[in-house]
Amino acid sequence: MIPRVHKRGSTTFGLLNYLYGKGTHEEHVNPHLVVAWDSFAPDPGRDPHATKRQLQQLLDQPVQALAESRRPAKHVWHLSVRAAPDDPVLSDEQWGEIARRMVAATGIAPAADEAGCRWAAVRHADDHVHIIATLVREDGRRPRLNNDAKRSQAEARLIETEYGLKQLSTGDGTAAQRPTSAERHKAQRQGRERTAREELRESVRQAVTGARSEEEFFDRLAAAGLLIRKREAPSGDLLGYKVALPDDRNKDGEPVLYPGARLAPDLSLPRIWERWSADFDKTASPDSPGHASPNSPSAARRRTATVAWGAIGAVEYGDDAVAAAYISATGEVLDALAKTSAAHTRSELRDAAFAFERASRSHVRAARGHDRALRQAARDLVHGGPALGRGEDGAATAMAIDMLFFLVTAAAHWHARKGHAQQAEAATRAAEHLRNAYRPAAAQPLGLLYQRGRRLSQPALQRQTALLRETLPSLAERILAEPGWYALAATIAEADTAGHDPAALLSDAVESRELGTADSVSDVLVWRLRRRADLPADAPGTPKNRTAKNSATTRPPAPRTTTSGRRFGDEAPGNTR
C-alpha cells in the first residue's frame, strides 16, 4: 500500500472537481464518497441532488470562519492511498476504514478528537482512494502535521499486515518520483512500455555514465535524440537542464520537459557535478598483452571484472561513505554494460540496471573519488563499443556479469545492515536479473571449456581431481559432482601450463570472497581463476567467427550418471548463480 502526500493547494473546489471528474484521460470510473468527517456529508457522485460546491463549502467552513488575515494560503491537504498491483480489490467499507486510520495517523483528525479537520475520501478506481482535507480545525487551530508523510507510511505498514496485503518497504525520501496516473495512462494510450519519465530517467543515466564534462554529457543526450533545454544565469553559468522525448507533447503541442531532479534526485546538475569532482585517471585501461586491444569490448569487460572484484571488499568492509560511492558507481557500470552488450543478454542487463537504480541512492553521502576506478570502467565499456555475443567478447561479458553479481549482492547486504529496506530489495532484484543474464552469456564459453576438459587425458584429469581434493577438501566432492567440473579442470590445466601454481590460485579464489550465493561453485571458480591467472576469458583456440549454428557442436554430451547419483548435464554449464 502506497500513501502519497501531495503538495498543498489553495482551492478546495478545484481538487474536488478533479476527484469527481472523468480524469485527465477519462480514467476515473464511478467517482463517489466512501467516508467523510460527517456521515451527512453530501456525495456529488451518487446523490443527484448533491453538488461539488456544497461539499466544498462544508469542507471550507472552518477556514472561512477565520479572519481573512488568519486563513492559511495553502489550506487544502491531499493524500492518495494506492494498493499494490497484486492486492485484492477492497470494498468501499474497507477503504473507508483505511481513510479513517490515515487521517488519524497523520494528525488531520486524531481519533476521539471531535475538533479535528474536516475531510472526505473519494474513490474513483478499484485500487486507490483520495483523501481531501482543509487545514483549519473546528476550534480554529491548525493541525499538527509534522512528518505526515512518514506517519502515513508507518500506518500503511500496519494496514498491510492486518489486511493481508503485500508488504512494502518504507521509503527514505531518496527514491525517484513515481510516474503519475496521468503519465501511466498516456503511456498506455501511446503504446509505450514505460512512461516518458522512466524512459528519460534511463536515457539520462546512460548519458552521465562515465562522462567527464558537461559538454560530453549534453552531447550524449543529444545523440540519444532527447530535446534539451538549459537554464543559465545572466552570467552565462549553467544552472540546470530539462529534457523531453521528441514525441511526448502536451495538449498545446509543446514538448513535456522534465528537470533532471524530477527524474531522480542524483540526476540534478549539482549532483552530477559531484561525480566529476574527482579527476579521472587519464591513463588507458589496463589490459593483458595478447588478449585484445585496450579499447576493445572484451578488454573493457575484463577491466570491469577486475575492478568489480576489488570493489566488493570496499563495500563489505569500507567506511559507509566509501561504500556508498562504490554502490553509486556500480549503477553506472550496469548501465554501461546493458547499453553495450549483445542482444541475448541486453534485456536482463537492462532490467538489472533499472532495478539497481533504486539501490544506488541512500542518505549516506558518497565520498566521491573512491569510485574513480568503477566510473572509469563504465567509461571504458561505453567507449569500447558494442560487444559480440561470442568469442572473447562473449566470454568476457560472462566474466564481468559473474563479478558484478557478487558486487550487487554485497550492496544488498550493506543496505540491509543499514536498514535501507527499499534499496536492499532493489539490489536483490538486480542480482536476480544478473543471474538470468549470466546463463546465456556463459553457455558458449563454459561449453567450450567443458569440451576441453572432457578431452583431458585420464592421468591429467586424475591429477586435477587429486589437486582439488587436497586443496579444497570441504568443497571437492560438491565440485566434482557439478557439470562445471570439466570446465574448471581445463582452466586448472591451462593455468598450470602458463606457469601458475594452481593450488595457490584455488585457495585464494575460495578464501577471498564468499561462495554461498553460487549455484555452481565450479563455474564461479572458473572465472576467478581465469581472471587471476590472466587467462583469456574464451577457451584457447576458439575460432573468432564461430556462428551460433556452428557452436552447437560444443554442447555437452547427453547426461551420464556419476557415483553421487547425479547426472552430468542435468543443468547446462554456465548456470553458476
Protein backbone atom coordinates (compact mmCIF):
# COMPACT_ATOMS: atom_id res chain seq x y z
CA MET A 1 0.00 0.00 0.00
CA ILE A 2 1.49 3.30 -1.12
CA PRO A 3 0.35 6.54 0.58
CA ARG A 4 1.45 9.78 -1.02
CA VAL A 5 1.07 13.25 0.47
CA HIS A 6 0.66 15.71 -2.40
CA LYS A 7 1.59 19.37 -2.48
CA ARG A 8 -0.80 21.56 -0.55
CA GLY A 9 -3.29 23.56 -2.57
CA SER A 10 -5.35 26.70 -2.26
CA THR A 11 -8.60 25.67 -4.00
CA THR A 12 -10.82 23.02 -2.44
CA PHE A 13 -13.29 23.12 -5.33
CA GLY A 14 -10.51 22.60 -7.87
CA LEU A 15 -9.38 19.36 -6.24
CA LEU A 16 -12.98 18.14 -5.84
CA ASN A 17 -13.60 18.92 -9.48
CA TYR A 18 -10.69 16.64 -10.40
CA LEU A 19 -11.64 13.84 -8.00
CA TYR A 20 -15.25 13.74 -9.19
CA GLY A 21 -14.38 14.38 -12.83
CA LYS A 22 -13.57 11.96 -15.62
CA GLY A 23 -9.83 12.29 -15.12
CA THR A 24 -7.19 13.59 -17.48
CA HIS A 25 -7.75 10.66 -19.82
CA GLU A 26 -11.22 9.58 -18.67
CA GLU A 27 -9.67 7.03 -16.33
CA HIS A 28 -11.96 7.87 -13.39
CA VAL A 29 -14.80 5.36 -13.04
CA ASN A 30 -17.82 5.88 -10.78
CA PRO A 31 -16.33 8.57 -8.51
CA HIS A 32 -18.08 8.60 -5.14
CA LEU A 33 -17.62 9.36 -1.47
CA VAL A 34 -16.67 6.39 0.71
CA VAL A 35 -16.39 8.22 4.05
CA ALA A 36 -16.11 11.74 5.46
CA TRP A 37 -15.75 13.63 8.73
CA ASP A 38 -19.54 13.75 8.92
CA SER A 39 -21.88 10.93 7.98
CA PHE A 40 -24.24 13.50 6.49
CA ALA A 41 -21.68 14.98 4.09
CA PRO A 42 -23.11 15.24 0.56
CA ASP A 43 -21.86 12.88 -2.14
CA PRO A 44 -21.94 14.54 -5.59
CA GLY A 45 -21.06 11.20 -7.16
CA ARG A 46 -24.13 9.20 -6.15
CA ASP A 47 -26.63 11.73 -4.84
CA PRO A 48 -28.26 13.54 -7.80
CA HIS A 49 -29.25 16.43 -5.51
CA ALA A 50 -25.77 16.97 -4.07
CA THR A 51 -23.19 19.20 -5.75
CA LYS A 52 -19.43 19.58 -5.52
CA ARG A 53 -19.95 23.19 -4.50
CA GLN A 54 -21.98 22.09 -1.47
CA LEU A 55 -19.25 19.69 -0.37
CA GLN A 56 -16.61 22.36 -0.91
CA GLN A 57 -18.47 24.91 1.20
CA LEU A 58 -18.87 22.45 4.07
CA LEU A 59 -15.21 21.48 3.96
CA ASP A 60 -14.15 25.14 3.90
CA GLN A 61 -16.44 26.37 6.71
CA PRO A 62 -13.72 26.33 9.44
CA VAL A 63 -11.38 28.20 7.07
CA GLN A 64 -13.97 30.81 6.18
CA ALA A 65 -14.81 31.30 9.87
CA LEU A 66 -11.34 32.77 10.45
CA ALA A 67 -10.49 36.38 9.78
CA GLU A 68 -9.05 36.65 6.28
CA SER A 69 -5.64 37.60 7.65
CA ARG A 70 -5.52 34.34 9.64
CA ARG A 71 -6.51 31.98 6.85
CA PRO A 72 -3.69 29.77 5.56
CA ALA A 73 -2.75 30.48 1.95
CA LYS A 74 -2.41 26.76 1.21
CA HIS A 75 -5.27 25.22 3.14
CA VAL A 76 -6.02 22.09 1.05
CA TRP A 77 -4.35 18.83 2.12
CA HIS A 78 -4.39 15.86 -0.26
CA LEU A 79 -3.37 12.25 0.37
CA SER A 80 -3.74 9.39 -2.09
CA VAL A 81 -3.51 5.78 -0.92
CA ARG A 82 -2.90 3.11 -3.57
CA ALA A 83 -2.97 -0.67 -3.21
CA ALA A 84 -0.22 -2.79 -4.73
CA PRO A 85 -1.00 -4.32 -8.17
CA ASP A 86 -1.24 -7.83 -6.70
CA ASP A 87 -3.54 -6.86 -3.83
CA PRO A 88 -7.22 -7.88 -3.89
CA VAL A 89 -9.85 -5.27 -4.68
CA LEU A 90 -11.00 -3.71 -1.42
CA SER A 91 -14.61 -2.74 -0.68
CA ASP A 92 -15.82 0.79 -0.02
CA GLU A 93 -16.14 -0.09 3.67
CA GLN A 94 -12.52 -1.25 3.79
CA TRP A 95 -11.28 1.87 2.01
CA GLY A 96 -13.37 3.94 4.39
CA GLU A 97 -11.69 2.37 7.42
CA ILE A 98 -8.26 2.86 5.80
CA ALA A 99 -9.08 6.54 5.22
CA ARG A 100 -10.11 6.99 8.89
CA ARG A 101 -6.86 5.45 10.02
CA MET A 102 -4.82 7.65 7.71
CA VAL A 103 -6.37 10.95 8.84
CA ALA A 104 -5.92 9.84 12.46
CA ALA A 105 -2.29 8.78 11.98
CA THR A 106 -1.26 11.94 10.09
CA GLY A 107 -2.86 14.38 12.53
CA ILE A 108 -5.68 15.59 10.30
CA ALA A 109 -8.36 14.12 12.54
CA PRO A 110 -6.86 12.27 15.52
CA ALA A 111 -9.03 9.54 17.00
CA ALA A 112 -11.54 10.76 19.62
CA ASP A 113 -10.73 14.39 18.72
CA GLU A 114 -14.06 15.99 17.82
CA ALA A 115 -12.36 19.25 16.85
CA GLY A 116 -10.21 17.76 14.08
CA CYS A 117 -10.10 18.97 10.49
CA ARG A 118 -12.88 18.29 8.03
CA TRP A 119 -12.03 15.69 5.42
CA ALA A 120 -13.54 13.40 2.80
CA ALA A 121 -12.36 10.26 0.98
CA VAL A 122 -13.29 9.89 -2.70
CA ARG A 123 -12.87 6.71 -4.70
CA HIS A 124 -12.83 6.69 -8.49
CA ALA A 125 -10.86 3.49 -9.18
CA ASP A 126 -10.61 -0.02 -7.75
CA ASP A 127 -7.06 0.30 -6.48
CA HIS A 128 -6.88 3.66 -4.67
CA VAL A 129 -8.66 6.37 -2.74
CA HIS A 130 -8.07 10.12 -2.41
CA ILE A 131 -8.43 11.98 0.88
CA ILE A 132 -9.04 15.74 0.81
CA ALA A 133 -8.94 17.85 3.99
CA THR A 134 -8.95 21.55 4.88
CA LEU A 135 -6.20 22.62 7.26
CA VAL A 136 -8.17 24.50 9.91
CA ARG A 137 -9.63 22.55 12.81
CA GLU A 138 -13.15 23.05 14.14
CA ASP A 139 -11.65 25.03 17.05
CA GLY A 140 -9.85 27.38 14.65
CA ARG A 141 -6.37 26.00 15.29
CA ARG A 142 -4.02 24.44 12.76
CA PRO A 143 -3.44 20.67 12.78
CA ARG A 144 -0.05 19.30 13.76
CA LEU A 145 1.20 17.67 10.57
CA ASN A 146 4.88 17.20 11.32
CA ASN A 147 6.18 14.19 9.36
CA ASP A 148 2.71 13.45 7.98
CA ALA A 149 4.24 11.55 5.05
CA LYS A 150 6.32 9.28 7.31
CA ARG A 151 3.39 8.70 9.62
CA SER A 152 1.19 7.70 6.68
CA GLN A 153 3.87 5.22 5.60
CA ALA A 154 4.07 3.72 9.08
CA GLU A 155 0.30 3.32 9.22
CA ALA A 156 0.33 1.73 5.76
CA ARG A 157 2.72 -0.96 7.02
CA LEU A 158 0.29 -1.78 9.85
CA ILE A 159 -2.68 -1.85 7.46
CA GLU A 160 -0.83 -4.22 5.10
CA THR A 161 -0.27 -6.67 7.94
CA GLU A 162 -3.81 -6.52 9.28
CA TYR A 163 -5.49 -6.76 5.86
CA GLY A 164 -3.12 -9.41 4.48
CA LEU A 165 -1.87 -7.11 1.71
CA LYS A 166 1.51 -7.11 0.02
CA GLN A 167 4.21 -5.96 2.44
CA LEU A 168 6.05 -2.97 1.02
CA SER A 169 9.14 -1.27 2.38
CA THR A 170 9.01 2.22 3.83
CA GLY A 171 10.97 4.71 1.77
CA ASP A 172 13.54 7.20 2.98
CA GLY A 173 12.91 10.05 0.56
CA THR A 174 15.72 9.11 -1.84
CA ALA A 175 13.60 7.29 -4.42
CA ALA A 176 12.91 8.72 -7.86
CA GLN A 177 9.48 10.26 -8.25
CA ARG A 178 6.90 7.72 -9.35
CA PRO A 179 5.04 8.29 -12.62
CA THR A 180 1.65 9.87 -12.08
CA SER A 181 -1.59 8.16 -13.07
CA ALA A 182 -1.90 10.55 -16.00
CA GLU A 183 1.60 9.64 -17.19
CA ARG A 184 0.84 5.92 -16.96
CA HIS A 185 -2.42 6.28 -18.87
CA LYS A 186 -0.69 8.38 -21.51
CA ALA A 187 1.98 5.70 -21.96
CA GLN A 188 -0.70 3.02 -22.35
CA ARG A 189 -2.56 5.10 -24.89
CA GLN A 190 0.64 5.66 -26.90
CA GLY A 191 1.65 2.01 -26.69
CA ARG A 192 4.78 2.71 -24.64
CA GLU A 193 6.23 0.00 -22.43
CA ARG A 194 7.23 2.66 -19.88
CA THR A 195 6.25 6.24 -19.16
CA ALA A 196 8.14 9.17 -20.63
CA ARG A 197 9.54 9.95 -17.19
CA GLU A 198 11.01 6.44 -16.86
CA GLU A 199 12.43 6.44 -20.39
CA LEU A 200 14.04 9.81 -19.80
CA ARG A 201 15.50 8.70 -16.48
CA GLU A 202 17.17 5.73 -18.16
CA SER A 203 18.48 7.85 -21.04
CA VAL A 204 19.92 10.50 -18.72
CA ARG A 205 21.51 7.82 -16.52
CA GLN A 206 23.19 6.31 -19.56
CA ALA A 207 24.35 9.73 -20.74
CA VAL A 208 26.02 10.53 -17.43
CA THR A 209 27.65 7.09 -17.19
CA GLY A 210 31.40 7.63 -17.25
CA ALA A 211 31.03 11.17 -18.62
CA ARG A 212 33.72 13.67 -17.64
CA SER A 213 32.24 17.03 -18.57
CA GLU A 214 29.06 18.97 -19.26
CA GLU A 215 29.89 19.04 -22.95
CA GLU A 216 30.20 15.26 -23.16
CA PHE A 217 27.05 14.78 -21.07
CA PHE A 218 24.90 17.06 -23.24
CA ASP A 219 26.38 15.63 -26.45
CA ARG A 220 25.27 12.18 -25.31
CA LEU A 221 21.77 13.45 -24.50
CA ALA A 222 21.52 14.96 -27.98
CA ALA A 223 22.83 11.76 -29.58
CA ALA A 224 20.09 9.85 -27.76
CA GLY A 225 17.55 12.05 -29.54
CA LEU A 226 16.34 13.96 -26.48
CA LEU A 227 15.20 17.57 -26.57
CA ILE A 228 17.33 19.64 -24.18
CA ARG A 229 16.65 22.99 -22.57
CA LYS A 230 19.40 24.53 -20.46
CA ARG A 231 18.84 27.08 -17.69
CA GLU A 232 21.57 29.70 -17.49
CA ALA A 233 22.33 32.60 -15.18
CA PRO A 234 22.76 36.13 -16.62
CA SER A 235 26.49 35.50 -16.39
CA GLY A 236 26.13 32.54 -18.71
CA ASP A 237 26.81 29.97 -16.00
CA LEU A 238 24.76 26.81 -16.32
CA LEU A 239 22.19 26.40 -13.52
CA GLY A 240 20.21 23.37 -14.63
CA TYR A 241 18.67 21.48 -17.50
CA LYS A 242 15.42 19.89 -18.69
CA VAL A 243 14.87 17.07 -21.16
CA ALA A 244 11.93 15.73 -23.16
CA LEU A 245 11.17 12.94 -25.58
CA PRO A 246 10.67 14.42 -29.05
CA ASP A 247 7.23 12.78 -29.47
CA ASP A 248 5.93 13.49 -25.94
CA ARG A 249 3.76 16.60 -26.27
CA ASN A 250 1.10 18.30 -24.18
CA LYS A 251 -2.31 19.38 -25.45
CA ASP A 252 -0.79 22.57 -26.90
CA GLY A 253 1.75 20.59 -28.92
CA GLU A 254 4.68 21.63 -26.73
CA PRO A 255 7.28 19.11 -25.50
CA VAL A 256 6.78 17.86 -21.93
CA LEU A 257 10.04 18.81 -20.23
CA TYR A 258 11.37 17.22 -17.04
CA PRO A 259 14.13 18.77 -14.90
CA GLY A 260 16.88 16.32 -14.00
CA ALA A 261 15.96 16.46 -10.30
CA ARG A 262 12.38 15.42 -11.16
CA LEU A 263 13.71 12.30 -12.87
CA ALA A 264 15.84 11.22 -9.90
CA PRO A 265 17.50 13.06 -7.00
CA ASP A 266 21.01 12.23 -8.25
CA LEU A 267 20.32 13.47 -11.79
CA SER A 268 20.15 17.15 -10.86
CA LEU A 269 23.04 19.14 -12.30
CA PRO A 270 24.70 19.81 -8.90
CA ARG A 271 24.62 16.08 -8.07
CA ILE A 272 26.03 15.23 -11.49
CA TRP A 273 28.84 17.74 -10.89
CA GLU A 274 29.71 15.78 -7.75
CA ARG A 275 30.52 12.77 -9.91
CA TRP A 276 33.08 14.86 -11.76
CA SER A 277 34.56 16.37 -8.60
CA ALA A 278 37.46 13.90 -8.59
CA ASP A 279 39.70 13.78 -11.66
CA PHE A 280 39.59 10.64 -13.72
CA ASP A 281 42.66 8.53 -14.26
CA LYS A 282 43.77 9.68 -17.69
CA THR A 283 45.81 6.53 -18.39
CA ALA A 284 44.49 3.89 -20.75
CA SER A 285 42.57 1.00 -19.32
CA PRO A 286 44.92 -1.80 -18.29
CA ASP A 287 44.71 -4.94 -20.33
CA SER A 288 46.67 -8.10 -20.73
CA PRO A 289 49.04 -8.34 -23.72
CA GLY A 290 47.83 -10.59 -26.44
CA HIS A 291 44.18 -10.77 -25.37
CA ALA A 292 42.68 -7.72 -27.09
CA SER A 293 43.39 -4.11 -27.90
CA PRO A 294 42.98 -1.67 -24.96
CA ASN A 295 39.82 -0.17 -26.45
CA SER A 296 38.08 -3.41 -27.38
CA PRO A 297 34.80 -4.52 -25.77
CA SER A 298 36.47 -7.60 -24.29
CA ALA A 299 39.26 -5.53 -22.73
CA ALA A 300 36.71 -3.20 -21.16
CA ARG A 301 34.84 -6.17 -19.73
CA ARG A 302 38.00 -7.71 -18.29
CA ARG A 303 38.81 -4.43 -16.61
CA THR A 304 35.24 -4.24 -15.30
CA ALA A 305 35.55 -7.73 -13.81
CA THR A 306 38.82 -6.81 -12.08
CA VAL A 307 37.53 -3.52 -10.70
CA ALA A 308 34.23 -5.06 -9.58
CA TRP A 309 36.15 -7.77 -7.73
CA GLY A 310 38.15 -5.15 -5.83
CA ALA A 311 35.04 -3.09 -5.10
CA ILE A 312 33.37 -5.97 -3.25
CA GLY A 313 35.81 -5.62 -0.35
CA ALA A 314 35.27 -1.87 -0.18
CA VAL A 315 31.51 -2.34 0.07
CA GLU A 316 31.80 -5.13 2.64
CA TYR A 317 34.49 -3.62 4.88
CA GLY A 318 34.95 0.04 3.93
CA ASP A 319 33.60 3.17 5.60
CA ASP A 320 29.96 3.91 4.87
CA ALA A 321 30.77 6.94 2.70
CA VAL A 322 33.23 4.89 0.64
CA ALA A 323 30.76 2.00 0.29
CA ALA A 324 28.06 4.44 -0.84
CA ALA A 325 30.38 5.80 -3.54
CA TYR A 326 31.14 2.31 -4.86
CA ILE A 327 27.47 1.37 -4.85
CA SER A 328 26.54 4.52 -6.75
CA ALA A 329 29.24 3.87 -9.35
CA THR A 330 28.08 0.25 -9.68
CA GLY A 331 24.86 1.63 -11.12
CA GLU A 332 26.86 3.36 -13.85
CA VAL A 333 28.70 0.14 -14.69
CA LEU A 334 25.42 -1.75 -15.01
CA ASP A 335 24.02 0.97 -17.30
CA ALA A 336 27.13 0.84 -19.49
CA LEU A 337 27.14 -2.96 -19.65
CA ALA A 338 23.46 -3.07 -20.59
CA LYS A 339 23.97 -0.47 -23.30
CA THR A 340 26.89 -2.28 -24.95
CA SER A 341 26.08 -5.98 -24.57
CA ALA A 342 24.76 -8.40 -27.17
CA ALA A 343 21.05 -8.88 -27.76
CA HIS A 344 20.71 -12.20 -25.91
CA THR A 345 21.75 -10.59 -22.61
CA ARG A 346 20.70 -6.98 -23.13
CA SER A 347 17.14 -7.22 -21.82
CA GLU A 348 18.07 -8.81 -18.49
CA LEU A 349 21.04 -6.47 -18.06
CA ARG A 350 18.82 -3.50 -18.78
CA ASP A 351 16.35 -4.73 -16.16
CA ALA A 352 19.22 -5.21 -13.71
CA ALA A 353 20.36 -1.62 -14.23
CA PHE A 354 16.78 -0.35 -13.97
CA ALA A 355 16.25 -2.21 -10.67
CA PHE A 356 19.62 -1.24 -9.19
CA GLU A 357 18.94 2.46 -9.83
CA ARG A 358 16.92 2.50 -6.58
CA ALA A 359 19.81 0.84 -4.73
CA SER A 360 22.34 3.42 -5.90
CA ARG A 361 20.99 6.17 -3.60
CA SER A 362 20.59 6.48 0.15
CA HIS A 363 21.04 9.14 2.82
CA VAL A 364 24.65 8.05 3.27
CA ARG A 365 26.64 10.73 1.41
CA ALA A 366 29.06 9.16 -1.06
CA ALA A 367 32.74 10.06 -0.73
CA ARG A 368 33.46 10.72 -4.39
CA GLY A 369 36.88 9.88 -5.72
CA HIS A 370 37.00 6.40 -4.23
CA ASP A 371 34.72 5.28 -7.05
CA ARG A 372 37.10 6.51 -9.74
CA ALA A 373 38.07 3.02 -10.93
CA LEU A 374 34.46 1.88 -11.30
CA ARG A 375 33.48 5.04 -13.15
CA GLN A 376 36.49 4.58 -15.42
CA ALA A 377 35.38 1.00 -16.06
CA ALA A 378 31.95 2.32 -17.04
CA ARG A 379 33.59 4.79 -19.38
CA ASP A 380 35.72 2.03 -20.92
CA LEU A 381 32.60 -0.04 -21.56
CA VAL A 382 30.89 2.87 -23.33
CA HIS A 383 33.94 3.74 -25.45
CA GLY A 384 34.76 0.08 -26.10
CA GLY A 385 31.53 -0.12 -28.07
CA PRO A 386 29.05 -2.97 -28.58
CA ALA A 387 30.27 -6.46 -27.76
CA LEU A 388 29.64 -9.61 -29.73
CA GLY A 389 27.86 -12.43 -28.00
CA ARG A 390 30.60 -14.93 -28.76
CA GLY A 391 34.34 -15.39 -28.64
CA GLU A 392 36.40 -13.32 -26.23
CA ASP A 393 33.67 -10.61 -26.15
CA GLY A 394 31.02 -13.09 -25.03
CA ALA A 395 33.27 -14.85 -22.52
CA ALA A 396 34.48 -11.57 -21.02
CA THR A 397 30.85 -10.47 -20.71
CA ALA A 398 30.09 -13.61 -18.70
CA MET A 399 33.14 -12.95 -16.52
CA ALA A 400 32.04 -9.34 -15.88
CA ILE A 401 28.46 -10.38 -15.06
CA ASP A 402 29.79 -13.01 -12.66
CA MET A 403 31.85 -10.44 -10.72
CA LEU A 404 29.07 -7.84 -10.81
CA PHE A 405 26.63 -10.38 -9.37
CA PHE A 406 28.75 -10.66 -6.24
CA LEU A 407 29.24 -6.87 -6.08
CA VAL A 408 25.49 -6.24 -6.33
CA THR A 409 24.87 -8.94 -3.71
CA ALA A 410 27.37 -7.20 -1.41
CA ALA A 411 25.46 -3.95 -1.97
CA ALA A 412 22.21 -5.68 -1.00
CA HIS A 413 23.81 -6.93 2.23
CA TRP A 414 25.21 -3.45 3.01
CA HIS A 415 21.83 -1.81 2.56
CA ALA A 416 20.18 -4.49 4.70
CA ARG A 417 22.67 -3.83 7.52
CA LYS A 418 21.94 -0.11 7.30
CA GLY A 419 18.18 -0.68 7.42
CA HIS A 420 17.64 0.54 3.84
CA ALA A 421 14.77 -1.81 3.04
CA GLN A 422 13.85 -0.48 -0.42
CA GLN A 423 17.47 -0.32 -1.56
CA ALA A 424 18.22 -3.83 -0.30
CA GLU A 425 15.17 -5.18 -2.11
CA ALA A 426 16.14 -3.36 -5.32
CA ALA A 427 19.70 -4.72 -5.21
CA THR A 428 18.36 -8.23 -4.66
CA ARG A 429 16.12 -7.89 -7.72
CA ALA A 430 19.07 -6.59 -9.74
CA ALA A 431 21.14 -9.62 -8.68
CA GLU A 432 18.39 -11.94 -9.91
CA HIS A 433 18.38 -10.21 -13.31
CA LEU A 434 22.18 -10.60 -13.45
CA ARG A 435 21.75 -14.29 -12.65
CA ASN A 436 19.36 -14.58 -15.59
CA ALA A 437 21.69 -12.65 -17.91
CA TYR A 438 24.65 -14.78 -16.90
CA ARG A 439 23.18 -18.07 -18.08
CA PRO A 440 23.02 -17.24 -21.83
CA ALA A 441 26.25 -15.24 -21.63
CA ALA A 442 28.21 -18.13 -20.12
CA ALA A 443 26.64 -21.01 -22.04
CA GLN A 444 29.02 -20.96 -25.02
CA PRO A 445 32.37 -20.20 -23.33
CA LEU A 446 31.78 -22.67 -20.50
CA GLY A 447 30.53 -25.22 -23.02
CA LEU A 448 33.82 -24.92 -24.89
CA LEU A 449 35.81 -25.26 -21.69
CA TYR A 450 33.66 -28.26 -20.77
CA GLN A 451 34.61 -29.99 -24.02
CA ARG A 452 38.26 -29.11 -23.48
CA GLY A 453 38.11 -30.63 -20.01
CA ARG A 454 36.46 -33.79 -21.34
CA ARG A 455 39.38 -34.18 -23.77
CA LEU A 456 41.97 -34.16 -20.99
CA SER A 457 43.80 -37.46 -20.63
CA GLN A 458 42.76 -39.71 -17.79
CA PRO A 459 46.06 -39.20 -15.91
CA ALA A 460 45.72 -35.42 -16.27
CA LEU A 461 42.14 -35.50 -15.02
CA GLN A 462 43.20 -37.66 -12.07
CA ARG A 463 45.91 -35.13 -11.19
CA GLN A 464 43.37 -32.29 -11.25
CA THR A 465 40.99 -34.31 -9.07
CA ALA A 466 43.72 -35.08 -6.53
CA LEU A 467 44.78 -31.41 -6.51
CA LEU A 468 41.20 -30.31 -5.87
CA ARG A 469 40.70 -32.77 -3.01
CA GLU A 470 43.97 -31.79 -1.40
CA THR A 471 43.47 -28.01 -1.78
CA LEU A 472 39.72 -27.73 -1.14
CA PRO A 473 38.76 -30.78 0.92
CA SER A 474 35.48 -29.27 2.14
CA LEU A 475 34.28 -28.35 -1.37
CA ALA A 476 35.89 -31.01 -3.55
CA GLU A 477 33.08 -33.56 -3.65
CA ARG A 478 30.47 -30.89 -4.37
CA ILE A 479 32.57 -29.51 -7.22
CA LEU A 480 33.28 -32.95 -8.67
CA ALA A 481 29.53 -33.64 -8.79
CA GLU A 482 28.82 -30.43 -10.75
CA PRO A 483 28.61 -30.29 -14.57
CA GLY A 484 31.07 -27.39 -14.47
CA TRP A 485 33.89 -29.51 -13.07
CA TYR A 486 35.29 -30.28 -16.52
CA ALA A 487 35.48 -26.56 -17.37
CA LEU A 488 37.31 -25.97 -14.08
CA ALA A 489 39.66 -28.86 -14.77
CA ALA A 490 40.51 -27.35 -18.16
CA THR A 491 41.14 -23.98 -16.53
CA ILE A 492 43.41 -25.50 -13.86
CA ALA A 493 45.40 -27.28 -16.57
CA GLU A 494 45.68 -24.08 -18.58
CA ALA A 495 46.87 -22.09 -15.54
CA ASP A 496 49.46 -24.79 -14.77
CA THR A 497 50.75 -24.66 -18.34
CA ALA A 498 51.03 -20.86 -18.07
CA GLY A 499 53.35 -21.23 -15.08
CA HIS A 500 50.94 -20.53 -12.22
CA ASP A 501 50.53 -22.51 -9.01
CA PRO A 502 47.00 -23.98 -9.36
CA ALA A 503 46.76 -24.84 -5.66
CA ALA A 504 47.53 -21.26 -4.65
CA LEU A 505 45.06 -19.91 -7.21
CA LEU A 506 42.29 -22.20 -5.96
CA SER A 507 42.91 -21.38 -2.31
CA ASP A 508 42.97 -17.66 -2.98
CA ALA A 509 39.81 -17.80 -5.13
CA VAL A 510 37.87 -19.58 -2.37
CA GLU A 511 39.16 -17.64 0.62
CA SER A 512 38.93 -14.13 -0.84
CA ARG A 513 35.14 -13.99 -1.36
CA GLU A 514 32.00 -15.87 -0.36
CA LEU A 515 30.58 -18.70 -2.43
CA GLY A 516 27.30 -19.16 -0.58
CA THR A 517 25.22 -17.42 -3.26
CA ALA A 518 26.64 -19.56 -6.09
CA ASP A 519 24.56 -22.35 -7.57
CA SER A 520 27.67 -23.85 -9.16
CA VAL A 521 30.93 -23.36 -7.26
CA SER A 522 32.97 -24.81 -10.12
CA ASP A 523 31.69 -22.26 -12.62
CA VAL A 524 32.39 -19.36 -10.26
CA LEU A 525 35.94 -20.65 -9.70
CA VAL A 526 36.48 -20.84 -13.47
CA TRP A 527 36.08 -17.06 -13.79
CA ARG A 528 38.02 -16.28 -10.63
CA LEU A 529 40.96 -18.40 -11.78
CA ARG A 530 40.92 -17.12 -15.35
CA ARG A 531 40.89 -13.53 -14.12
CA ARG A 532 43.64 -14.05 -11.53
CA ALA A 533 45.83 -16.11 -13.85
CA ASP A 534 45.31 -13.59 -16.66
CA LEU A 535 43.98 -16.27 -18.97
CA PRO A 536 41.80 -15.44 -21.97
CA ALA A 537 38.15 -15.41 -20.99
CA ASP A 538 37.35 -17.56 -24.02
CA ALA A 539 38.68 -21.09 -24.45
CA PRO A 540 42.07 -21.18 -26.23
CA GLY A 541 41.91 -21.88 -29.91
CA THR A 542 38.26 -20.82 -30.25
CA PRO A 543 37.59 -19.63 -33.83
CA LYS A 544 36.84 -15.91 -33.76
CA ASN A 545 33.97 -16.12 -36.24
CA ARG A 546 32.20 -19.17 -34.88
CA THR A 547 28.49 -18.83 -35.51
CA ALA A 548 25.71 -19.85 -33.19
CA LYS A 549 24.87 -22.69 -35.58
CA ASN A 550 28.46 -23.99 -35.65
CA SER A 551 28.81 -23.66 -31.89
CA ALA A 552 26.12 -26.29 -31.40
CA THR A 553 28.91 -28.86 -31.69
CA THR A 554 30.39 -27.57 -28.43
CA ARG A 555 27.41 -28.54 -26.33
CA PRO A 556 27.97 -31.14 -23.59
CA PRO A 557 27.06 -34.72 -24.46
CA ALA A 558 23.99 -36.49 -23.15
CA PRO A 559 23.80 -36.74 -19.36
CA ARG A 560 25.57 -39.65 -17.65
CA THR A 561 25.25 -40.81 -14.06
CA THR A 562 28.01 -40.03 -11.55
CA THR A 563 28.94 -42.01 -8.45
CA SER A 564 26.97 -39.48 -6.42
CA GLY A 565 23.76 -40.38 -8.22
CA ARG A 566 23.59 -37.02 -10.06
CA ARG A 567 23.76 -36.84 -13.82
CA PHE A 568 26.23 -34.70 -15.70
CA GLY A 569 24.28 -32.42 -17.99
CA ASP A 570 21.27 -32.08 -15.67
CA GLU A 571 21.97 -28.36 -15.83
CA ALA A 572 23.89 -26.70 -18.60
CA PRO A 573 27.37 -25.35 -17.87
CA GLY A 574 27.07 -21.67 -17.21
CA ASN A 575 24.38 -21.82 -14.55
CA THR A 576 26.58 -20.53 -11.71
CA ARG A 577 24.24 -18.28 -9.82
